[in-house]
Amino acid sequence: MRLDDYIEELEPDEEAKRRRLAKEKSYAITDHLEEFEQRFDDALSGDTLVGSTAPSIFVGRSNYPDIPIGVLSPVGDEDAAEEYVTDGNWYQQGYAIDDVLQRRTGLLNSNKRANVESPSIASRLTPSVHDSWDGFVGVQREVAIADRPVDLEIGLDDTPDLSLNAGTDVATPRGPRANARNAELRENPYVPKPVKKTLEDDDWQAQGAMTYLYRRGFDVYDINSILSAGALGETKQRRLVPTRWSITAVDDTVGQFLRGRIRSEPSIDEVQVRVNEYMGNRYWIVLAPGNWEFELVEMKAPGSIWNPNQNGDIWLQSANEGYDGRTSYVEETAGAYYAARLGVLEYLESIGRQAKCLVLREVSDDYWAPVGVWQVRESVRNAFDGTPGSASTQPASKRESLAGEYGEAETFHQAVAAIAPQLPVSYARLQRKSELAAGLQTNLSAFSH
């Protein structure tokens, strides 16, 4: 899909059910905000935040195309700015939900309004985003393309808004916000050469630039920040991209690239099951011989983030693709689909094989606050560490190991049948929802040795 196509197909508005859930759950975010308020008062000099260090940016989507754009900076904890960047290190450190909330709510979002194609909404005669290296938009872009957190001085128009909207901030935890008057760099950030190359090429489409950076060792976290800042794509087509959109756009684009890499590779020759559990999310990943197919089935417990009704049934949804991939955005499982698919494709590309893949994700009510699809991506990525059936390399304090029960099976059918008793839905219901599971009985020979 083109990036334009993806942006137009925004996932359904789930604000209402998030708001209901927020009223039922205690997220304990306000405790972190009290401490933040004291740190902010200590760091403020008049109306200027001096000595701020910004490790990342945020691009909102409200009132698109005239959207809020911001630089995110920990206040009073500048020396540890890199620890506030969402990436795979959070998983490796074994962060729990509380740890994520502390870092998310500890970031001040100093923001202004900007048009996605022009840095000023006051005049359409101002330079396009691709020409903007001055002012607030330019500073935000410098933060996005730098290889480490950037020292800034930020002028504020008001004090931070420390209130939390139950339908937005609690559901998607973010820190306090303040309207920025201006921002200035206090250093010259170092920009890696591959990033400079993508910036200097006026005719490089965004998809090609993304895969180029990925092949040069940039993780998807770095790439989606650069994309959000309007620093990728054909020069005249560059624009600011809301963070939520850019995350899935990068997962999708890199996933398509990896799928292309394995299309002509031989199949794996045995059925494998990988398992993992993190932050109240449980994952079973079944790989079977055959051409590439992928399906994600999500099972969400009553009272969990996306199934607010405490007395309701398990929310069950699925999305899939065949050998040629998809041509439309996944509405059913949204960003989780692309994040999980990326983790599987990275593994298959690393071993030079293709396979049919079924990912089962159970969201329990222990997942009491959403932390983002990064935990889906990292849980699937790390499920492939060690031997099949092993999750022993993961932070043991954060989960009960599921290793050792499955490992390898003779057929895809046997593997799913062995998993079924552990699922919160019946085997029959799973087969009614899952195309891969439904085809087990009639196509067993396709999955056997």
Protein backbone atom coordinates (compact mmCIF):
# COMPACT_ATOMS: atom_id res chain seq x y z
CA MET A 1 0.00 0.00 0.00
CA ARG A 2 1.05 3.59 -0.60
CA LEU A 3 1.44 5.70 2.52
CA ASP A 4 -1.41 7.90 1.29
CA ASP A 5 -3.72 4.89 1.17
CA TYR A 6 -2.81 3.90 4.70
CA ILE A 7 -3.37 7.35 6.15
CA GLU A 8 -6.84 7.56 4.65
CA GLU A 9 -7.82 4.25 6.26
CA LEU A 10 -7.56 5.26 9.89
CA GLU A 11 -8.57 2.58 12.36
CA PRO A 12 -12.09 2.89 13.82
CA ASP A 13 -12.64 5.37 16.64
CA GLU A 14 -12.55 3.36 19.87
CA GLU A 15 -12.65 6.39 22.14
CA ALA A 16 -16.04 5.59 23.70
CA LYS A 17 -15.14 2.15 24.99
CA ARG A 18 -11.73 3.37 26.14
CA ARG A 19 -13.47 6.08 28.16
CA ARG A 20 -15.78 3.56 29.81
CA LEU A 21 -12.87 1.35 30.71
CA ALA A 22 -10.88 4.24 32.14
CA LYS A 23 -13.66 4.87 34.64
CA GLU A 24 -13.55 1.26 35.81
CA LYS A 25 -9.78 0.89 36.13
CA SER A 26 -7.31 2.56 38.46
CA TYR A 27 -4.26 3.51 36.43
CA ALA A 28 -2.30 5.25 39.22
CA ILE A 29 -0.92 7.80 36.75
CA THR A 30 -1.67 10.79 38.98
CA ASP A 31 0.98 9.68 41.48
CA HIS A 32 3.65 10.14 38.79
CA LEU A 33 2.26 13.54 37.78
CA GLU A 34 2.60 14.97 41.27
CA GLU A 35 6.32 14.24 41.25
CA PHE A 36 6.61 15.64 37.72
CA GLU A 37 4.99 18.94 38.74
CA GLN A 38 7.65 19.49 41.42
CA ARG A 39 10.48 18.68 39.00
CA PHE A 40 9.01 21.05 36.42
CA ASP A 41 8.84 23.96 38.87
CA ASP A 42 12.51 23.40 39.72
CA ALA A 43 13.57 23.32 36.05
CA LEU A 44 11.62 26.38 34.87
CA SER A 45 13.42 29.73 34.59
CA GLY A 46 10.74 32.35 34.02
CA ASP A 47 8.84 30.99 31.04
CA THR A 48 11.82 29.08 29.62
CA LEU A 49 12.69 25.46 30.16
CA VAL A 50 16.49 25.57 30.28
CA GLY A 51 18.70 22.52 29.85
CA SER A 52 15.99 20.38 28.32
CA THR A 53 17.03 17.21 26.49
CA ALA A 54 14.64 15.78 23.90
CA PRO A 55 15.02 12.10 23.02
CA SER A 56 11.95 11.89 20.77
CA ILE A 57 9.03 13.68 19.14
CA PHE A 58 5.27 13.32 19.00
CA VAL A 59 2.97 14.18 16.11
CA GLY A 60 -0.72 14.15 16.94
CA ARG A 61 -3.69 13.56 14.64
CA SER A 62 -6.45 15.73 16.13
CA ASN A 63 -7.91 18.28 13.67
CA TYR A 64 -5.88 16.79 10.83
CA PRO A 65 -4.33 18.35 8.71
CA ASP A 66 -3.72 21.13 11.27
CA ILE A 67 -2.18 18.97 13.98
CA PRO A 68 -0.23 19.28 17.23
CA ILE A 69 3.49 18.59 16.94
CA GLY A 70 5.79 18.36 19.93
CA VAL A 71 9.19 17.53 21.32
CA LEU A 72 9.19 15.15 24.27
CA SER A 73 11.65 15.75 27.08
CA PRO A 74 12.10 14.33 30.58
CA VAL A 75 12.14 17.17 33.08
CA GLY A 76 14.70 16.91 35.86
CA ASP A 77 16.05 13.64 34.51
CA GLU A 78 17.95 14.84 31.44
CA ASP A 79 20.95 12.59 32.02
CA ALA A 80 18.72 9.54 31.59
CA ALA A 81 16.90 10.86 28.50
CA GLU A 82 17.63 7.75 26.41
CA GLU A 83 15.76 5.60 28.93
CA TYR A 84 12.57 7.47 28.00
CA VAL A 85 12.69 6.43 24.34
CA THR A 86 10.20 3.69 23.44
CA ASP A 87 12.15 0.83 21.87
CA GLY A 88 13.10 -2.81 22.33
CA ASN A 89 15.28 -2.00 25.34
CA TRP A 90 12.14 -1.63 27.44
CA TYR A 91 11.39 -5.29 26.82
CA GLN A 92 14.96 -6.39 27.48
CA GLN A 93 14.88 -4.49 30.79
CA GLY A 94 11.67 -6.31 31.72
CA TYR A 95 9.62 -3.13 32.12
CA ALA A 96 6.21 -3.67 33.67
CA ILE A 97 3.17 -1.52 32.90
CA ASP A 98 3.98 0.78 35.83
CA ASP A 99 7.51 1.31 34.49
CA VAL A 100 6.15 2.36 31.12
CA LEU A 101 3.61 4.73 32.70
CA GLN A 102 6.32 6.40 34.77
CA ARG A 103 8.36 7.13 31.66
CA ARG A 104 5.45 8.13 29.46
CA THR A 105 3.96 10.48 32.04
CA GLY A 106 7.43 11.82 32.89
CA LEU A 107 7.86 13.32 29.41
CA LEU A 108 6.80 16.92 28.86
CA ASN A 109 5.23 17.40 25.44
CA SER A 110 6.10 20.97 24.40
CA ASN A 111 3.93 21.45 21.35
CA LYS A 112 2.61 23.83 18.71
CA ARG A 113 0.08 23.51 15.93
CA ALA A 114 1.27 22.97 12.38
CA ASN A 115 -0.16 22.00 9.04
CA VAL A 116 1.06 18.63 7.74
CA GLU A 117 2.37 20.28 4.56
CA SER A 118 3.26 23.75 5.85
CA PRO A 119 4.92 24.73 9.17
CA SER A 120 2.46 27.58 9.66
CA ILE A 121 -1.31 27.32 9.53
CA ALA A 122 -1.52 31.10 9.29
CA SER A 123 -0.30 31.26 5.71
CA ARG A 124 -0.21 28.77 2.88
CA LEU A 125 2.60 30.86 1.34
CA THR A 126 5.14 29.62 3.91
CA PRO A 127 7.69 27.01 2.82
CA SER A 128 6.56 23.42 2.56
CA VAL A 129 7.58 20.97 5.26
CA HIS A 130 10.43 19.61 3.15
CA ASP A 131 12.02 23.09 3.13
CA SER A 132 11.63 23.70 6.87
CA TRP A 133 14.75 23.57 8.99
CA ASP A 134 13.99 26.70 10.99
CA GLY A 135 11.52 27.40 13.75
CA PHE A 136 9.75 24.80 15.82
CA VAL A 137 9.17 22.39 12.91
CA GLY A 138 12.88 22.48 12.08
CA VAL A 139 13.91 21.81 15.66
CA GLN A 140 11.49 18.91 15.89
CA ARG A 141 12.95 17.45 12.71
CA GLU A 142 16.51 17.80 14.08
CA VAL A 143 15.47 15.82 17.15
CA ALA A 144 13.90 13.10 14.98
CA ILE A 145 16.94 12.55 12.72
CA ALA A 146 19.64 12.82 15.40
CA ASP A 147 21.38 9.68 16.64
CA ARG A 148 20.96 10.63 20.32
CA PRO A 149 18.90 12.98 22.55
CA VAL A 150 19.31 16.65 21.66
CA ASP A 151 19.88 19.54 24.09
CA LEU A 152 17.28 22.29 23.68
CA GLU A 153 16.00 25.50 25.17
CA ILE A 154 12.22 25.72 25.04
CA GLY A 155 10.13 28.85 25.51
CA LEU A 156 6.66 28.12 26.88
CA ASP A 157 3.46 30.11 26.54
CA ASP A 158 1.91 28.54 29.63
CA THR A 159 2.45 26.02 32.39
CA PRO A 160 1.91 22.32 31.62
CA ASP A 161 -1.57 20.89 31.54
CA LEU A 162 -1.37 18.14 34.15
CA SER A 163 -4.96 17.01 33.79
CA LEU A 164 -5.68 13.61 32.26
CA ASN A 165 -8.54 12.99 29.88
CA ALA A 166 -9.93 9.56 30.71
CA GLY A 167 -10.68 8.80 27.10
CA THR A 168 -7.31 9.79 25.66
CA ASP A 169 -4.35 10.17 27.98
CA VAL A 170 -5.21 7.36 30.35
CA ALA A 171 -6.04 5.02 27.51
CA THR A 172 -2.86 5.99 25.67
CA PRO A 173 -0.58 7.24 28.44
CA ARG A 174 1.24 10.44 27.62
CA GLY A 175 2.84 13.06 29.79
CA PRO A 176 1.82 16.65 30.53
CA ARG A 177 1.51 19.11 27.65
CA ALA A 178 2.51 22.75 27.36
CA ASN A 179 2.14 25.19 24.48
CA ALA A 180 5.56 26.08 23.15
CA ARG A 181 6.39 29.59 21.99
CA ASN A 182 9.67 28.53 20.41
CA ALA A 183 12.52 26.06 20.68
CA GLU A 184 16.23 26.45 19.98
CA LEU A 185 19.00 23.92 19.61
CA ARG A 186 21.85 24.19 22.12
CA GLU A 187 24.08 21.87 20.11
CA ASN A 188 24.61 20.62 16.56
CA PRO A 189 23.09 17.12 16.50
CA TYR A 190 24.93 14.33 14.71
CA VAL A 191 22.92 12.89 11.83
CA PRO A 192 23.92 9.40 10.61
CA LYS A 193 25.06 9.20 6.98
CA PRO A 194 22.23 6.91 5.80
CA VAL A 195 19.68 9.44 7.12
CA LYS A 196 21.48 12.26 5.31
CA LYS A 197 21.35 10.19 2.13
CA THR A 198 17.57 9.80 2.32
CA LEU A 199 17.17 13.52 2.99
CA GLU A 200 19.34 14.55 0.05
CA ASP A 201 17.58 12.33 -2.52
CA ASP A 202 14.68 14.36 -3.90
CA ASP A 203 13.11 11.48 -5.82
CA TRP A 204 13.24 8.66 -3.27
CA GLN A 205 9.77 7.40 -2.39
CA ALA A 206 9.05 6.95 1.32
CA GLN A 207 8.73 3.15 1.11
CA GLY A 208 12.13 2.80 -0.52
CA ALA A 209 13.78 5.16 1.97
CA MET A 210 12.29 3.21 4.89
CA THR A 211 13.59 -0.13 3.68
CA TYR A 212 16.98 1.41 2.91
CA LEU A 213 17.31 2.63 6.50
CA TYR A 214 16.14 -0.73 7.83
CA ARG A 215 18.76 -2.55 5.74
CA ARG A 216 21.36 -0.15 7.15
CA GLY A 217 20.59 -1.28 10.68
CA PHE A 218 17.99 1.26 11.80
CA ASP A 219 15.20 -0.28 13.82
CA VAL A 220 11.58 0.54 13.09
CA TYR A 221 11.46 2.83 16.14
CA ASP A 222 14.06 5.16 14.59
CA ILE A 223 12.44 5.06 11.16
CA ASN A 224 8.92 5.91 12.32
CA SER A 225 10.23 8.99 14.16
CA ILE A 226 11.98 10.21 10.99
CA LEU A 227 8.85 9.53 8.94
CA SER A 228 6.68 11.42 11.45
CA ALA A 229 8.89 14.49 11.14
CA GLY A 230 8.29 14.66 7.39
CA ALA A 231 11.87 13.73 6.55
CA LEU A 232 11.23 10.76 4.23
CA GLY A 233 9.84 10.46 0.72
CA GLU A 234 9.90 12.41 -2.52
CA THR A 235 10.75 15.97 -1.61
CA LYS A 236 7.51 17.60 -2.71
CA GLN A 237 5.46 14.79 -1.12
CA ARG A 238 7.01 15.03 2.34
CA ARG A 239 4.66 15.93 5.14
CA LEU A 240 4.26 15.48 8.86
CA VAL A 241 2.78 12.08 9.71
CA PRO A 242 0.91 11.48 12.99
CA THR A 243 2.93 9.16 15.21
CA ARG A 244 0.17 6.58 15.46
CA TRP A 245 -0.01 6.30 11.69
CA SER A 246 3.74 6.26 11.15
CA ILE A 247 4.29 3.34 13.54
CA THR A 248 2.02 1.02 11.60
CA ALA A 249 3.11 2.40 8.22
CA VAL A 250 6.74 1.49 8.99
CA ASP A 251 5.84 -1.96 10.35
CA ASP A 252 3.81 -2.59 7.21
CA THR A 253 6.44 -1.31 4.78
CA VAL A 254 9.32 -3.21 6.36
CA GLY A 255 7.11 -6.29 6.60
CA GLN A 256 6.37 -6.13 2.87
CA PHE A 257 10.08 -5.84 2.16
CA LEU A 258 10.87 -8.90 4.28
CA ARG A 259 8.03 -10.89 2.74
CA GLY A 260 9.54 -10.18 -0.66
CA ARG A 261 12.88 -11.47 0.61
CA ILE A 262 11.48 -14.86 1.66
CA ARG A 263 9.05 -15.47 -1.22
CA SER A 264 11.54 -17.62 -3.16
CA GLU A 265 13.12 -19.28 -0.11
CA PRO A 266 12.46 -22.95 0.71
CA SER A 267 9.88 -23.81 3.35
CA ILE A 268 10.75 -24.86 6.86
CA ASP A 269 10.62 -28.65 7.12
CA GLU A 270 8.95 -29.11 10.51
CA VAL A 271 6.17 -27.66 12.60
CA GLN A 272 7.34 -25.37 15.40
CA VAL A 273 5.58 -23.62 18.26
CA ARG A 274 6.99 -20.60 20.04
CA VAL A 275 5.48 -19.15 23.19
CA ASN A 276 5.88 -15.97 25.17
CA GLU A 277 4.08 -13.89 27.78
CA TYR A 278 4.51 -10.23 28.65
CA MET A 279 2.44 -7.62 30.47
CA GLY A 280 -0.63 -9.83 30.64
CA ASN A 281 -0.41 -10.72 26.95
CA ARG A 282 0.15 -14.37 26.01
CA TYR A 283 1.40 -15.43 22.60
CA TRP A 284 1.47 -18.75 20.79
CA ILE A 285 3.20 -18.77 17.40
CA VAL A 286 2.74 -21.81 15.17
CA LEU A 287 5.00 -22.20 12.12
CA ALA A 288 4.26 -24.94 9.59
CA PRO A 289 5.77 -26.06 6.27
CA GLY A 290 4.32 -24.40 3.20
CA ASN A 291 4.27 -21.10 1.29
CA TRP A 292 3.93 -17.88 3.25
CA GLU A 293 0.59 -17.32 4.95
CA PHE A 294 -0.04 -15.30 8.07
CA GLU A 295 -2.90 -14.92 10.49
CA LEU A 296 -3.26 -13.11 13.79
CA VAL A 297 -6.09 -14.15 16.12
CA GLU A 298 -6.70 -11.93 19.14
CA MET A 299 -8.67 -13.03 22.20
CA LYS A 300 -9.42 -10.25 24.66
CA ALA A 301 -10.77 -11.00 28.11
CA PRO A 302 -13.73 -9.11 29.58
CA GLY A 303 -12.38 -6.19 31.61
CA SER A 304 -9.23 -5.87 29.54
CA ILE A 305 -8.30 -2.71 27.67
CA TRP A 306 -10.18 -3.45 24.44
CA ASN A 307 -13.08 -5.39 25.97
CA PRO A 308 -14.42 -3.13 28.73
CA ASN A 309 -17.56 -5.14 29.56
CA GLN A 310 -16.62 -7.09 32.70
CA ASN A 311 -19.49 -9.54 32.25
CA GLY A 312 -19.26 -10.01 28.50
CA ASP A 313 -17.79 -12.73 26.35
CA ILE A 314 -14.22 -13.08 25.10
CA TRP A 315 -13.67 -10.60 22.25
CA LEU A 316 -12.39 -12.63 19.31
CA GLN A 317 -11.09 -11.22 16.04
CA SER A 318 -8.69 -12.23 13.30
CA ALA A 319 -6.96 -10.95 10.17
CA ASN A 320 -4.87 -12.79 7.63
CA GLU A 321 -3.00 -12.71 4.36
CA GLY A 322 -1.86 -15.19 1.75
CA TYR A 323 1.29 -15.58 -0.30
CA ASP A 324 0.82 -12.23 -2.08
CA GLY A 325 0.09 -10.24 1.05
CA ARG A 326 -2.68 -7.69 1.59
CA THR A 327 -3.84 -4.70 -0.43
CA SER A 328 -6.04 -3.12 2.26
CA TYR A 329 -5.52 -1.92 5.81
CA VAL A 330 -6.32 -4.39 8.60
CA GLU A 331 -9.30 -2.98 10.48
CA GLU A 332 -9.91 -5.95 12.78
CA THR A 333 -6.61 -6.13 14.69
CA ALA A 334 -5.10 -2.82 13.52
CA GLY A 335 -1.48 -2.09 14.42
CA ALA A 336 -1.00 -5.32 16.36
CA TYR A 337 -1.29 -7.26 13.09
CA TYR A 338 1.63 -5.47 11.44
CA ALA A 339 3.76 -5.53 14.59
CA ALA A 340 3.30 -9.29 15.07
CA ARG A 341 3.83 -10.01 11.36
CA LEU A 342 7.08 -8.05 11.42
CA GLY A 343 8.48 -10.17 14.25
CA VAL A 344 7.66 -13.39 12.39
CA LEU A 345 9.07 -12.18 9.07
CA GLU A 346 12.30 -11.02 10.70
CA TYR A 347 12.84 -14.51 12.07
CA LEU A 348 12.05 -16.27 8.80
CA GLU A 349 14.30 -13.92 6.84
CA SER A 350 17.13 -14.56 9.32
CA ILE A 351 16.98 -18.32 8.67
CA GLY A 352 16.29 -18.03 4.93
CA ARG A 353 12.95 -19.86 5.03
CA GLN A 354 9.25 -19.26 4.53
CA ALA A 355 6.32 -20.80 6.38
CA LYS A 356 2.65 -20.68 7.19
CA CYS A 357 2.21 -18.84 10.48
CA LEU A 358 -0.61 -18.59 13.00
CA VAL A 359 -0.16 -16.15 15.89
CA LEU A 360 -2.59 -16.45 18.80
CA ARG A 361 -2.66 -13.52 21.21
CA GLU A 362 -4.58 -13.63 24.47
CA VAL A 363 -5.07 -10.30 26.25
CA SER A 364 -5.88 -10.95 29.89
CA ASP A 365 -7.30 -8.45 32.37
CA ASP A 366 -3.75 -8.11 33.75
CA TYR A 367 -3.12 -5.85 30.77
CA TRP A 368 -4.75 -3.01 32.66
CA ALA A 369 -3.32 -0.08 30.71
CA PRO A 370 -2.32 -0.06 27.03
CA VAL A 371 1.37 0.61 26.44
CA GLY A 372 1.41 0.47 22.65
CA VAL A 373 2.02 -2.09 19.94
CA TRP A 374 5.74 -2.11 20.70
CA GLN A 375 5.05 -4.80 23.31
CA VAL A 376 3.38 -6.96 20.63
CA ARG A 377 6.35 -6.48 18.32
CA GLU A 378 8.94 -7.25 20.99
CA SER A 379 7.02 -10.21 22.43
CA VAL A 380 6.86 -11.88 19.01
CA ARG A 381 10.44 -10.96 18.14
CA ASN A 382 11.77 -12.43 21.36
CA ALA A 383 9.62 -15.55 21.19
CA PHE A 384 12.10 -16.76 18.58
CA ASP A 385 15.08 -16.63 20.91
CA GLY A 386 16.31 -20.04 22.03
CA THR A 387 14.81 -23.35 21.00
CA PRO A 388 11.19 -23.90 19.88
CA GLY A 389 8.84 -23.73 22.83
CA SER A 390 11.30 -21.68 24.87
CA ALA A 391 10.76 -18.29 26.43
CA SER A 392 13.60 -18.75 28.90
CA THR A 393 15.60 -15.77 27.64
CA GLN A 394 12.90 -13.33 28.73
CA PRO A 395 12.73 -11.50 32.09
CA ALA A 396 11.50 -14.32 34.34
CA SER A 397 10.21 -11.92 36.98
CA LYS A 398 7.60 -10.56 34.57
CA ARG A 399 5.94 -13.78 33.46
CA GLU A 400 5.28 -17.42 34.17
CA SER A 401 7.20 -19.55 31.67
CA LEU A 402 5.10 -21.54 29.20
CA ALA A 403 8.11 -23.37 27.82
CA GLY A 404 8.41 -27.10 27.39
CA GLU A 405 4.83 -28.14 26.68
CA TYR A 406 4.86 -27.87 22.90
CA GLY A 407 8.18 -27.25 21.15
CA GLU A 408 7.72 -29.30 17.98
CA ALA A 409 4.75 -31.28 16.67
CA GLU A 410 4.21 -33.77 13.85
CA THR A 411 1.48 -31.68 12.19
CA PHE A 412 0.03 -28.21 12.35
CA HIS A 413 -3.18 -29.84 13.61
CA GLN A 414 -1.41 -31.47 16.55
CA ALA A 415 0.30 -28.21 17.45
CA VAL A 416 -2.93 -26.18 17.56
CA ALA A 417 -4.76 -29.01 19.33
CA ALA A 418 -2.06 -29.03 22.02
CA ILE A 419 -2.41 -25.28 22.48
CA ALA A 420 -6.23 -25.22 22.46
CA PRO A 421 -6.76 -26.24 26.13
CA GLN A 422 -4.67 -23.22 27.18
CA LEU A 423 -6.83 -20.74 25.26
CA PRO A 424 -9.74 -18.75 26.73
CA VAL A 425 -12.03 -19.86 23.87
CA SER A 426 -13.08 -23.31 22.72
CA TYR A 427 -11.31 -25.07 19.88
CA ALA A 428 -14.57 -25.00 17.91
CA ARG A 429 -14.93 -21.24 18.32
CA LEU A 430 -11.31 -20.72 17.29
CA GLN A 431 -11.90 -22.74 14.12
CA ARG A 432 -14.98 -20.68 13.28
CA LYS A 433 -12.93 -17.46 13.46
CA SER A 434 -9.50 -18.57 12.17
CA GLU A 435 -9.07 -19.47 8.51
CA LEU A 436 -5.88 -21.41 9.21
CA ALA A 437 -7.39 -23.32 12.14
CA ALA A 438 -10.57 -23.98 10.15
CA GLY A 439 -8.55 -25.55 7.37
CA LEU A 440 -6.74 -27.99 9.63
CA GLN A 441 -9.15 -30.89 9.29
CA THR A 442 -9.32 -30.83 5.50
CA ASN A 443 -5.71 -29.99 4.76
CA LEU A 444 -3.66 -32.00 7.24
CA SER A 445 -1.47 -33.45 4.52
CA ALA A 446 -0.20 -29.97 3.66
CA PHE A 447 1.27 -29.59 7.11
CA SER A 448 2.75 -33.04 7.73
CA HIS A 449 6.38 -34.05 7.13
